[in-house]
Amino acid sequence: MEQMKDTRRALVRIGYDGRVHKTFRGHQAKERFQNEVRVLRYLEAKGCEYVPRVIEAHEEELRLVTSNCGQRVDHIQPERVTQLFAELERDFRVRHEDAYARNITYSPQAGRFCLIDFEFAEILDPAAPPGPKLDLPMPDAPRGD
């Protein structure tokens, strides 16, 4: 497997089959794991096509396996970043809460930008059960916090 990210909050690797393996660790690891699984399953049920799909969720290991949404984007205009996350909130009633270019990928298969890393996201739909209480990341926090 190719290691993509190794921080205090998570270890992310891409398997040879293209699946993304994310192991949560650090502060509120269990809550962040539960929230990401919850939000991704909600988005799948609502028909959102530009986010990862949950393939496996191993709560005892705090390990999540998802589909791959393409490669990270190196250059994207700030206006486009704002637009992508605003579309998610408008169309699917999910606020990302870590809405930065580092959480945008491009999928040639889908022919579009995709959004990743939903561990801090909030479902705004009042019909959805509430998620865990999370300490949100600092605005513009560097990767690896």
Protein backbone atom coordinates (compact mmCIF):
# COMPACT_ATOMS: atom_id res chain seq x y z
CA MET A 1 0.00 0.00 0.00
CA GLU A 2 1.08 3.52 -0.69
CA GLN A 3 1.09 5.83 2.33
CA MET A 4 -0.65 9.13 1.60
CA LYS A 5 -0.85 10.77 5.01
CA ASP A 6 0.60 10.00 8.43
CA THR A 7 -0.39 12.54 11.08
CA ARG A 8 -1.47 12.60 14.69
CA ARG A 9 -5.10 12.39 13.54
CA ALA A 10 -4.92 9.72 10.87
CA LEU A 11 -2.93 7.26 8.81
CA VAL A 12 -4.18 7.12 5.23
CA ARG A 13 -3.00 4.56 2.71
CA ILE A 14 -4.10 3.66 -0.80
CA GLY A 15 -4.29 -0.08 -1.47
CA TYR A 16 -3.15 -1.68 -4.70
CA ASP A 17 -6.83 -2.11 -5.53
CA GLY A 18 -7.31 1.68 -5.27
CA ARG A 19 -9.29 1.60 -2.04
CA VAL A 20 -8.50 4.20 0.61
CA HIS A 21 -7.67 2.86 4.10
CA LYS A 22 -7.96 5.45 6.86
CA THR A 23 -7.09 4.67 10.48
CA PHE A 24 -8.22 7.31 12.95
CA ARG A 25 -6.07 8.18 15.94
CA GLY A 26 -5.46 10.97 18.38
CA HIS A 27 -7.97 13.36 19.92
CA GLN A 28 -11.59 12.21 19.53
CA ALA A 29 -10.57 9.40 17.14
CA LYS A 30 -13.67 7.30 17.88
CA GLU A 31 -16.04 10.24 17.48
CA ARG A 32 -14.38 11.39 14.24
CA PHE A 33 -14.54 7.84 12.87
CA GLN A 34 -18.23 7.52 13.76
CA ASN A 35 -19.02 10.90 12.26
CA GLU A 36 -17.23 10.27 8.96
CA VAL A 37 -18.99 6.92 8.52
CA ARG A 38 -22.33 8.50 9.40
CA VAL A 39 -21.92 11.44 7.01
CA LEU A 40 -20.65 9.34 4.10
CA ARG A 41 -23.54 6.88 4.47
CA TYR A 42 -25.98 9.79 4.63
CA LEU A 43 -24.54 11.31 1.46
CA GLU A 44 -24.66 7.97 -0.35
CA ALA A 45 -28.32 7.53 0.64
CA LYS A 46 -29.05 11.04 -0.70
CA GLY A 47 -27.38 10.22 -4.04
CA CYS A 48 -24.27 12.37 -3.75
CA GLU A 49 -21.92 11.07 -6.45
CA TYR A 50 -18.78 13.09 -5.66
CA VAL A 51 -17.76 11.73 -2.27
CA PRO A 52 -16.15 8.43 -1.24
CA ARG A 53 -18.33 5.36 -0.63
CA VAL A 54 -17.96 3.37 2.58
CA ILE A 55 -16.76 -0.13 1.73
CA GLU A 56 -15.81 -1.31 5.22
CA ALA A 57 -16.07 0.29 8.65
CA HIS A 58 -14.18 -1.39 11.51
CA GLU A 59 -15.12 0.55 14.64
CA GLU A 60 -13.03 -1.62 16.98
CA GLU A 61 -9.93 -0.69 14.95
CA LEU A 62 -11.14 2.81 14.04
CA ARG A 63 -10.38 1.87 10.43
CA LEU A 64 -12.44 2.99 7.46
CA VAL A 65 -12.10 1.67 3.91
CA THR A 66 -13.65 3.80 1.16
CA SER A 67 -13.68 4.09 -2.58
CA ASN A 68 -11.07 6.32 -4.16
CA CYS A 69 -12.14 9.73 -5.44
CA GLY A 70 -9.09 10.52 -7.57
CA GLN A 71 -5.95 12.54 -7.01
CA ARG A 72 -5.50 15.54 -4.76
CA VAL A 73 -5.75 18.87 -6.55
CA ASP A 74 -2.57 20.95 -6.55
CA HIS A 75 -4.02 24.18 -7.93
CA ILE A 76 -7.59 25.38 -7.62
CA GLN A 77 -8.99 28.89 -7.43
CA PRO A 78 -10.30 29.93 -4.00
CA GLU A 79 -13.64 30.85 -5.59
CA ARG A 80 -13.99 27.31 -6.95
CA VAL A 81 -13.20 25.83 -3.50
CA THR A 82 -15.96 27.95 -1.98
CA GLN A 83 -18.36 26.96 -4.75
CA LEU A 84 -17.75 23.19 -4.35
CA PHE A 85 -18.39 23.19 -0.62
CA ALA A 86 -21.40 25.51 -1.01
CA GLU A 87 -22.92 23.05 -3.53
CA LEU A 88 -22.55 20.23 -1.00
CA GLU A 89 -24.35 22.29 1.63
CA ARG A 90 -27.06 23.52 -0.72
CA ASP A 91 -27.78 20.24 -2.51
CA PHE A 92 -27.23 17.73 0.30
CA ARG A 93 -27.50 19.77 3.52
CA VAL A 94 -24.02 18.82 4.71
CA ARG A 95 -21.53 21.41 5.97
CA HIS A 96 -17.98 20.11 5.60
CA GLU A 97 -16.39 22.12 8.47
CA ASP A 98 -12.89 21.63 6.97
CA ALA A 99 -13.65 23.26 3.62
CA TYR A 100 -10.19 23.74 2.15
CA ALA A 101 -8.49 22.75 -1.10
CA ARG A 102 -6.64 19.96 0.75
CA ASN A 103 -9.99 18.13 0.88
CA ILE A 104 -10.68 18.29 -2.85
CA THR A 105 -9.67 15.66 -5.39
CA TYR A 106 -10.22 15.28 -9.10
CA SER A 107 -11.58 12.04 -10.50
CA PRO A 108 -10.99 11.47 -14.21
CA GLN A 109 -13.52 8.61 -14.09
CA ALA A 110 -16.23 10.92 -12.74
CA GLY A 111 -14.97 13.87 -14.78
CA ARG A 112 -15.32 16.21 -11.85
CA PHE A 113 -13.96 17.48 -8.56
CA CYS A 114 -14.78 15.37 -5.49
CA LEU A 115 -14.77 16.10 -1.76
CA ILE A 116 -13.05 13.98 0.90
CA ASP A 117 -12.34 13.88 4.66
CA PHE A 118 -15.75 14.20 6.31
CA GLU A 119 -14.70 13.52 9.90
CA PHE A 120 -15.76 17.02 11.04
CA ALA A 121 -18.76 17.43 8.72
CA GLU A 122 -22.21 18.30 10.03
CA ILE A 123 -25.49 17.05 8.61
CA LEU A 124 -27.86 20.03 8.58
CA ASP A 125 -30.98 18.01 7.79
CA PRO A 126 -33.15 18.26 10.93
CA ALA A 127 -34.54 14.77 10.23
CA ALA A 128 -31.08 13.19 10.58
CA PRO A 129 -30.04 11.95 14.02
CA PRO A 130 -27.43 14.18 15.67
CA GLY A 131 -23.79 13.25 15.39
CA PRO A 132 -21.11 13.21 18.07
CA LYS A 133 -19.88 16.47 19.57
CA LEU A 134 -16.54 17.30 17.98
CA ASP A 135 -13.84 19.86 18.59
CA LEU A 136 -13.55 21.46 15.16
CA PRO A 137 -10.14 22.04 13.58
CA MET A 138 -8.65 25.50 13.70
CA PRO A 139 -9.35 27.57 10.58
CA ASP A 140 -6.54 27.21 8.06
CA ALA A 141 -4.80 24.67 10.31
CA PRO A 142 -1.84 23.07 8.56
CA ARG A 143 -2.09 19.46 7.47
CA GLY A 144 -0.96 17.06 10.11
CA ASP A 145 -2.49 18.80 13.10
